[in-house]
Amino acid sequence: MKPSDKPTLFRFYTAEDIRLAESLKSYSFLRNCREITNSEAVEKYMIHEPDEEYGFLHETAVIAYHGVLFASWYNCRRDELHGRTPVRGKRSSDGGKTWSAVEVIDDDESGNIMFCPPVYGIDDDKLYMLVNEMVAADHMHALNLYVFCEETNCFEKLWSRPIPFKLNTNVMTLPNGKKMISGRVAELDGFPNTPAVLLSDSGKIDAEWRLVKLAENGDLPDGEKFVHPEICPIIREDGIYMFCRNDKRRVPFLYVSKDNGESWDGPFTHDIPLVSTKVYAGQLQDGRYYIVGNIEKAARTKLVIYFSEKDTMEFTKCLVLCDSDKGLEGCMHYPVACENEGKLYISYTRNYTWERRGAALAVIDLKRV
């Protein structure tokens, strides 16, 4: 695929957005895309609801391992990233219908160290979890690695390293066998506004990780600063297509690597209206690609997933997962996905109020979409 000089200009663009979009090359991914609503292919379950002890839950990760779904997140008492923020989790052996009791994976009772949302990875038939430590809201202090021990039935910490990299996605494997994690980076104990990836040259999760920035700094092409540039890739033999959230401009960004993440071109724009939203993407076992996130609507109240045709980046279906008119109470966002035995499991944050949030799960029967 090659970008063109003709950008897609969305109706919600400001004058600044238009000027920025017109200054960049653009990729086109949508082809006669049709929207699907009220699909019988989707089932929905709750993973965890807010309770009296912890009213706030954020950014649930999900993965399938040895026939069990693992989900994890961080909790706060009431306010996001304030005070004690334990990493907690649950498991499901019936595809998300029912879940185990909550388990605490890591915690700092003093609240001096807070935790960011975890991500998962599988290597050598072992389940790993990575978690950020913070000294303040989104100020990265360390990167922790845990491994699931089936003998003790719990996660055990392997190491903690001063890597100021905020995690965005589960660990992914590149065509050359290396491992990659997508996220953003800062100075130690600083706020991360530069999109970047970590690469494991050995292809092992419990080895050394090397940082590669997608941009030299946190600046947009028009001189403004990136804000929350969460990223997620689609990995193909012909390149890595990295979708990038940014809250300063409402322009959907894309970076492209043709050398397995060693260098990056961009930013480009693209024609999928995913703005101010965490995006999660990947490849299905049947050869299709998917992208899930919030499309333009007030307060992230419309969550959708796009499906491509087999072995192409032409997206022709848009399946609506949530579409609410309840404002903040209907907000369903921060998706993470994994595939297992013909189904795609998408965990996401569900708002009850802005201060009270839980975790939900959408299960898509891929044979029916």
Protein backbone atom coordinates (compact mmCIF):
# COMPACT_ATOMS: atom_id res chain seq x y z
CA MET A 1 0.00 0.00 0.00
CA LYS A 2 1.07 3.55 -0.71
CA PRO A 3 -0.22 6.83 0.74
CA SER A 4 -1.71 9.56 -1.42
CA ASP A 5 -1.58 13.35 -1.31
CA LYS A 6 -5.37 13.57 -0.96
CA PRO A 7 -6.46 13.47 2.71
CA THR A 8 -9.81 12.44 4.12
CA LEU A 9 -11.42 15.50 5.73
CA PHE A 10 -13.95 14.56 8.38
CA ARG A 11 -16.91 16.78 9.20
CA PHE A 12 -15.78 17.09 12.83
CA TYR A 13 -12.41 18.64 11.90
CA THR A 14 -11.52 22.09 13.17
CA ALA A 15 -9.64 24.55 10.97
CA GLU A 16 -6.39 23.45 12.67
CA ASP A 17 -7.22 19.79 12.00
CA ILE A 18 -7.85 20.53 8.32
CA ARG A 19 -4.54 22.34 7.92
CA LEU A 20 -2.66 19.52 9.61
CA ALA A 21 -4.42 16.79 7.57
CA GLU A 22 -3.76 18.62 4.31
CA SER A 23 -0.04 18.81 5.11
CA LEU A 24 0.33 15.02 5.44
CA LYS A 25 0.07 12.06 3.09
CA SER A 26 -2.89 9.80 3.73
CA TYR A 27 -3.76 6.09 3.62
CA SER A 28 -7.20 4.85 2.57
CA PHE A 29 -8.46 1.66 4.26
CA LEU A 30 -12.26 1.79 3.94
CA ARG A 31 -13.87 0.23 0.86
CA ASN A 32 -17.66 0.26 0.57
CA CYS A 33 -17.76 -0.28 4.33
CA ARG A 34 -21.19 -1.24 5.67
CA GLU A 35 -22.29 -0.84 9.29
CA ILE A 36 -23.76 -3.84 11.12
CA THR A 37 -25.96 -3.29 14.19
CA ASN A 38 -27.85 -5.64 16.53
CA SER A 39 -25.71 -8.56 15.42
CA GLU A 40 -26.50 -11.98 16.85
CA ALA A 41 -22.79 -12.76 16.47
CA VAL A 42 -22.01 -10.76 19.64
CA GLU A 43 -22.56 -11.80 23.26
CA LYS A 44 -21.78 -9.50 26.19
CA TYR A 45 -20.83 -10.24 29.77
CA MET A 46 -19.58 -8.33 32.80
CA ILE A 47 -16.08 -9.09 34.06
CA HIS A 48 -16.11 -6.88 37.14
CA GLU A 49 -18.41 -4.15 38.45
CA PRO A 50 -17.51 -1.26 40.77
CA ASP A 51 -18.02 -1.96 44.45
CA GLU A 52 -17.87 -0.05 47.73
CA GLU A 53 -14.14 -0.60 48.15
CA TYR A 54 -13.00 0.23 44.62
CA GLY A 55 -15.36 2.32 42.54
CA PHE A 56 -12.98 3.02 39.65
CA LEU A 57 -11.59 0.41 37.26
CA HIS A 58 -9.56 1.11 34.15
CA GLU A 59 -8.21 -0.48 30.96
CA THR A 60 -8.79 -4.19 31.25
CA ALA A 61 -6.34 -6.50 29.49
CA VAL A 62 -7.50 -9.93 28.30
CA ILE A 63 -5.79 -13.06 26.96
CA ALA A 64 -6.59 -16.77 26.50
CA TYR A 65 -4.13 -19.25 28.02
CA HIS A 66 -4.57 -23.02 28.40
CA GLY A 67 -8.32 -22.77 27.85
CA VAL A 68 -8.82 -20.00 30.41
CA LEU A 69 -9.50 -16.29 29.87
CA PHE A 70 -7.35 -14.05 32.05
CA ALA A 71 -8.44 -10.44 32.62
CA SER A 72 -6.64 -7.80 34.68
CA TRP A 73 -6.79 -4.06 35.34
CA TYR A 74 -5.98 -1.44 37.95
CA ASN A 75 -8.45 -0.18 40.54
CA CYS A 76 -8.77 3.11 42.40
CA ARG A 77 -10.96 3.95 45.38
CA ARG A 78 -12.91 6.71 43.67
CA ASP A 79 -10.71 8.96 41.55
CA GLU A 80 -8.60 7.91 38.58
CA LEU A 81 -4.90 7.50 39.40
CA HIS A 82 -5.14 8.87 42.91
CA GLY A 83 -3.82 6.99 45.93
CA ARG A 84 -3.73 3.24 46.19
CA THR A 85 -4.11 1.54 42.79
CA PRO A 86 -3.75 -2.26 43.05
CA VAL A 87 -3.43 -4.45 39.96
CA ARG A 88 -6.21 -7.02 40.18
CA GLY A 89 -7.58 -9.76 37.97
CA LYS A 90 -10.08 -12.55 37.36
CA ARG A 91 -10.27 -15.72 35.28
CA SER A 92 -13.01 -17.43 33.29
CA SER A 93 -13.17 -21.07 32.20
CA ASP A 94 -16.44 -20.74 30.26
CA GLY A 95 -15.64 -18.09 27.67
CA GLY A 96 -16.42 -15.07 29.82
CA LYS A 97 -19.87 -16.07 31.10
CA THR A 98 -18.71 -16.38 34.71
CA TRP A 99 -15.57 -15.18 36.47
CA SER A 100 -13.53 -16.18 39.49
CA ALA A 101 -13.15 -14.09 42.62
CA VAL A 102 -10.82 -11.10 42.39
CA GLU A 103 -7.11 -11.78 42.87
CA VAL A 104 -4.56 -9.08 43.77
CA ILE A 105 -1.50 -9.30 41.51
CA ASP A 106 0.45 -6.31 42.86
CA ASP A 107 -0.20 -3.50 45.31
CA ASP A 108 1.43 -0.72 47.30
CA GLU A 109 -0.62 -0.04 50.40
CA SER A 110 1.00 3.36 50.94
CA GLY A 111 -0.18 4.65 47.56
CA ASN A 112 3.25 6.15 46.89
CA ILE A 113 3.71 3.78 43.96
CA MET A 114 0.75 3.50 41.61
CA PHE A 115 0.24 1.02 38.81
CA CYS A 116 -0.79 1.39 35.18
CA PRO A 117 -2.93 -1.08 33.24
CA PRO A 118 -1.21 -4.43 32.64
CA VAL A 119 -0.61 -6.25 29.37
CA TYR A 120 -0.07 -9.95 28.65
CA GLY A 121 2.25 -12.05 26.54
CA ILE A 122 2.81 -15.76 25.86
CA ASP A 123 6.26 -17.22 25.19
CA ASP A 124 7.53 -20.81 25.42
CA ASP A 125 4.04 -21.80 26.63
CA LYS A 126 4.36 -19.47 29.62
CA LEU A 127 1.97 -16.63 30.42
CA TYR A 128 3.61 -13.30 31.26
CA MET A 129 2.26 -10.00 32.49
CA LEU A 130 3.89 -6.57 32.27
CA VAL A 131 2.83 -3.67 34.49
CA ASN A 132 3.99 -0.05 34.84
CA GLU A 133 4.88 1.54 38.16
CA MET A 134 4.21 5.30 38.51
CA VAL A 135 5.08 8.02 41.01
CA ALA A 136 2.12 10.18 39.90
CA ALA A 137 -0.65 9.95 37.33
CA ASP A 138 0.96 8.66 34.10
CA HIS A 139 4.48 9.49 35.35
CA MET A 140 6.43 6.33 34.52
CA HIS A 141 8.79 4.98 37.17
CA ALA A 142 9.46 1.32 36.29
CA LEU A 143 8.42 -1.65 34.19
CA ASN A 144 7.59 -4.87 36.05
CA LEU A 145 7.49 -8.40 34.62
CA TYR A 146 5.51 -11.28 36.15
CA VAL A 147 5.08 -14.92 35.11
CA PHE A 148 2.10 -17.14 35.87
CA CYS A 149 3.11 -20.17 37.91
CA GLU A 150 0.68 -23.04 37.44
CA GLU A 151 2.05 -24.81 40.53
CA THR A 152 1.16 -21.90 42.84
CA ASN A 153 -1.73 -20.71 40.62
CA CYS A 154 -0.62 -17.08 40.80
CA PHE A 155 1.58 -14.48 39.12
CA GLU A 156 5.12 -14.14 40.46
CA LYS A 157 7.33 -11.10 39.90
CA LEU A 158 10.50 -11.76 37.87
CA TRP A 159 11.98 -8.26 37.72
CA SER A 160 11.42 -4.53 37.94
CA ARG A 161 13.48 -2.19 35.73
CA PRO A 162 13.62 1.62 35.44
CA ILE A 163 12.12 1.75 31.95
CA PRO A 164 9.77 4.80 31.60
CA PHE A 165 7.62 3.15 28.91
CA LYS A 166 3.81 3.20 29.20
CA LEU A 167 2.28 -0.03 27.93
CA ASN A 168 -0.53 0.02 25.35
CA THR A 169 -0.86 -3.52 23.92
CA ASN A 170 -0.26 -7.16 24.65
CA VAL A 171 3.11 -8.51 23.48
CA MET A 172 3.17 -9.27 19.75
CA THR A 173 5.49 -11.37 17.57
CA LEU A 174 7.06 -9.87 14.45
CA PRO A 175 7.69 -11.77 11.17
CA ASN A 176 11.41 -11.97 12.05
CA GLY A 177 10.64 -13.68 15.36
CA LYS A 178 11.35 -10.69 17.59
CA LYS A 179 8.82 -9.59 20.19
CA MET A 180 7.31 -6.08 20.20
CA ILE A 181 5.31 -4.02 22.69
CA SER A 182 3.64 -0.78 21.62
CA GLY A 183 3.39 2.26 23.88
CA ARG A 184 4.88 5.67 24.62
CA VAL A 185 7.97 6.87 26.41
CA ALA A 186 9.16 9.70 28.68
CA GLU A 187 12.07 10.63 30.86
CA LEU A 188 12.17 8.60 34.08
CA ASP A 189 9.30 9.69 36.38
CA GLY A 190 7.99 11.89 33.55
CA PHE A 191 4.82 12.03 31.46
CA PRO A 192 5.04 9.91 28.27
CA ASN A 193 4.06 11.77 25.11
CA THR A 194 6.39 10.21 22.52
CA PRO A 195 5.03 7.11 20.71
CA ALA A 196 7.53 4.24 20.78
CA VAL A 197 7.96 0.47 20.79
CA LEU A 198 10.03 -1.96 22.81
CA LEU A 199 11.77 -4.75 20.87
CA SER A 200 13.11 -8.02 22.25
CA ASP A 201 15.87 -9.06 19.83
CA SER A 202 16.02 -12.54 21.33
CA GLY A 203 12.29 -13.05 20.86
CA LYS A 204 11.97 -13.77 24.60
CA ILE A 205 9.71 -11.85 26.94
CA ASP A 206 11.92 -12.31 30.01
CA ALA A 207 15.01 -10.91 28.21
CA GLU A 208 16.30 -7.39 27.51
CA TRP A 209 14.05 -4.92 25.72
CA ARG A 210 15.30 -2.21 23.36
CA LEU A 211 13.52 1.12 22.81
CA VAL A 212 12.74 2.52 19.34
CA LYS A 213 10.86 5.83 19.04
CA LEU A 214 8.31 6.38 16.30
CA ALA A 215 9.02 10.11 16.50
CA GLU A 216 12.11 11.88 17.84
CA ASN A 217 10.07 13.82 20.38
CA GLY A 218 6.48 14.44 21.38
CA ASP A 219 5.86 17.09 18.72
CA LEU A 220 3.17 17.01 16.05
CA PRO A 221 4.08 18.19 12.53
CA ASP A 222 2.32 21.51 13.16
CA GLY A 223 4.37 22.24 16.28
CA GLU A 224 1.79 21.17 18.87
CA LYS A 225 2.53 18.43 21.38
CA PHE A 226 1.19 14.90 21.28
CA VAL A 227 -1.33 14.16 24.02
CA HIS A 228 -1.90 10.51 25.00
CA PRO A 229 -0.47 9.00 21.79
CA GLU A 230 -1.59 5.43 22.51
CA ILE A 231 -0.63 3.13 19.64
CA CYS A 232 -1.50 -0.33 18.33
CA PRO A 233 -0.24 -2.18 15.23
CA ILE A 234 -1.43 -4.37 12.43
CA ILE A 235 1.57 -6.54 11.56
CA ARG A 236 1.93 -7.72 7.97
CA GLU A 237 4.75 -9.23 5.92
CA ASP A 238 4.90 -6.00 3.90
CA GLY A 239 5.12 -3.77 6.98
CA ILE A 240 3.76 -2.72 10.35
CA TYR A 241 0.85 -0.26 10.32
CA MET A 242 0.76 1.53 13.67
CA PHE A 243 -2.49 3.35 14.49
CA CYS A 244 -2.02 6.29 16.86
CA ARG A 245 -4.44 8.10 19.14
CA ASN A 246 -3.86 11.79 19.85
CA ASP A 247 -6.03 14.13 21.90
CA LYS A 248 -4.57 17.47 20.76
CA ARG A 249 -5.73 17.19 17.16
CA ARG A 250 -8.74 15.15 16.04
CA VAL A 251 -6.77 13.72 13.12
CA PRO A 252 -6.32 9.91 13.04
CA PHE A 253 -2.60 9.21 12.69
CA LEU A 254 -0.64 6.30 11.31
CA TYR A 255 3.05 5.32 11.34
CA VAL A 256 4.50 2.66 9.04
CA SER A 257 7.62 0.49 9.43
CA LYS A 258 9.05 -1.59 6.59
CA ASP A 259 11.91 -3.05 8.64
CA ASN A 260 10.20 -4.81 11.56
CA GLY A 261 10.01 -1.78 13.82
CA GLU A 262 13.60 -0.55 13.47
CA SER A 263 12.55 2.72 11.79
CA TRP A 264 9.24 4.46 11.18
CA ASP A 265 7.75 6.72 8.53
CA GLY A 266 5.01 9.20 9.41
CA PRO A 267 2.86 10.44 10.74
CA PHE A 268 0.35 9.85 7.98
CA THR A 269 -3.40 10.32 8.22
CA HIS A 270 -6.02 7.70 7.34
CA ASP A 271 -9.75 7.46 6.65
CA ILE A 272 -11.01 5.49 9.68
CA PRO A 273 -12.65 8.02 12.06
CA LEU A 274 -10.99 6.79 15.27
CA VAL A 275 -10.02 9.89 17.25
CA SER A 276 -9.45 10.56 20.96
CA THR A 277 -9.77 6.84 21.58
CA LYS A 278 -7.58 3.91 22.42
CA VAL A 279 -7.40 1.68 19.34
CA TYR A 280 -6.75 -2.05 19.38
CA ALA A 281 -5.92 -3.95 16.20
CA GLY A 282 -4.63 -7.28 14.99
CA GLN A 283 -4.85 -10.19 12.58
CA LEU A 284 -7.34 -13.05 12.82
CA GLN A 285 -6.44 -16.66 12.12
CA ASP A 286 -8.63 -16.62 9.01
CA GLY A 287 -6.41 -13.92 7.46
CA ARG A 288 -8.62 -10.91 8.14
CA TYR A 289 -7.55 -7.85 10.11
CA TYR A 290 -9.55 -5.92 12.69
CA ILE A 291 -9.49 -2.49 14.31
CA VAL A 292 -11.64 -1.68 17.34
CA GLY A 293 -12.17 1.73 18.96
CA ASN A 294 -14.57 4.60 19.47
CA ILE A 295 -15.72 6.48 16.40
CA GLU A 296 -16.76 10.10 16.48
CA LYS A 297 -19.65 10.56 18.89
CA ALA A 298 -20.01 12.42 22.19
CA ALA A 299 -18.13 10.98 25.17
CA ARG A 300 -16.94 7.78 23.46
CA THR A 301 -20.43 6.30 23.48
CA LYS A 302 -20.07 4.40 20.17
CA LEU A 303 -17.65 1.49 20.18
CA VAL A 304 -17.15 -0.36 16.88
CA ILE A 305 -14.92 -2.93 15.27
CA TYR A 306 -13.85 -2.87 11.61
CA PHE A 307 -13.11 -6.09 9.70
CA SER A 308 -11.05 -6.29 6.52
CA GLU A 309 -11.26 -8.68 3.61
CA LYS A 310 -8.91 -11.66 3.85
CA ASP A 311 -5.22 -10.79 3.48
CA THR A 312 -5.91 -7.14 2.60
CA MET A 313 -6.05 -3.81 4.42
CA GLU A 314 -9.41 -3.03 2.82
CA PHE A 315 -11.99 -2.79 5.61
CA THR A 316 -15.53 -3.53 4.43
CA LYS A 317 -17.51 -4.23 7.63
CA CYS A 318 -18.10 -2.08 10.72
CA LEU A 319 -19.75 -3.99 13.55
CA VAL A 320 -21.29 -1.77 16.25
CA LEU A 321 -20.56 -3.11 19.75
CA CYS A 322 -22.06 -0.26 21.80
CA ASP A 323 -24.06 2.81 20.80
CA SER A 324 -25.51 4.78 23.68
CA ASP A 325 -27.22 8.13 24.21
CA LYS A 326 -26.50 8.12 27.95
CA GLY A 327 -23.46 10.41 27.75
CA LEU A 328 -20.78 9.59 30.31
CA GLU A 329 -22.86 6.75 31.75
CA GLY A 330 -22.93 5.08 28.34
CA CYS A 331 -19.22 5.46 27.74
CA MET A 332 -17.58 2.16 26.73
CA HIS A 333 -13.95 2.47 25.75
CA TYR A 334 -10.30 1.35 26.10
CA PRO A 335 -10.69 -1.95 24.19
CA VAL A 336 -8.22 -4.84 24.27
CA ALA A 337 -8.74 -8.01 22.20
CA CYS A 338 -7.58 -11.60 21.86
CA GLU A 339 -8.69 -14.48 19.63
CA ASN A 340 -9.30 -18.04 20.76
CA GLU A 341 -11.04 -20.99 19.08
CA GLY A 342 -12.98 -18.99 16.51
CA LYS A 343 -14.04 -16.17 18.81
CA LEU A 344 -12.70 -12.68 19.39
CA TYR A 345 -12.81 -11.52 23.01
CA ILE A 346 -12.87 -7.75 23.50
CA SER A 347 -12.59 -6.36 27.02
CA TYR A 348 -13.44 -2.71 27.57
CA THR A 349 -14.10 -0.18 30.30
CA ARG A 350 -17.77 0.49 31.05
CA ASN A 351 -18.83 3.73 32.74
CA TYR A 352 -21.60 3.91 35.32
CA THR A 353 -20.65 7.49 36.16
CA TRP A 354 -17.36 9.25 35.43
CA GLU A 355 -16.08 8.09 38.85
CA ARG A 356 -17.58 4.58 38.79
CA ARG A 357 -16.38 2.20 36.12
CA GLY A 358 -16.38 -1.54 35.55
CA ALA A 359 -15.04 -4.03 33.01
CA ALA A 360 -17.15 -5.70 30.32
CA LEU A 361 -16.52 -8.31 27.64
CA ALA A 362 -17.85 -8.61 24.10
CA VAL A 363 -17.50 -12.06 22.52
CA ILE A 364 -17.73 -12.18 18.72
CA ASP A 365 -18.40 -15.42 16.84
CA LEU A 366 -16.07 -14.81 13.90
CA LYS A 367 -17.88 -17.28 11.63
CA ARG A 368 -20.94 -15.01 11.75
CA VAL A 369 -19.33 -11.73 10.70
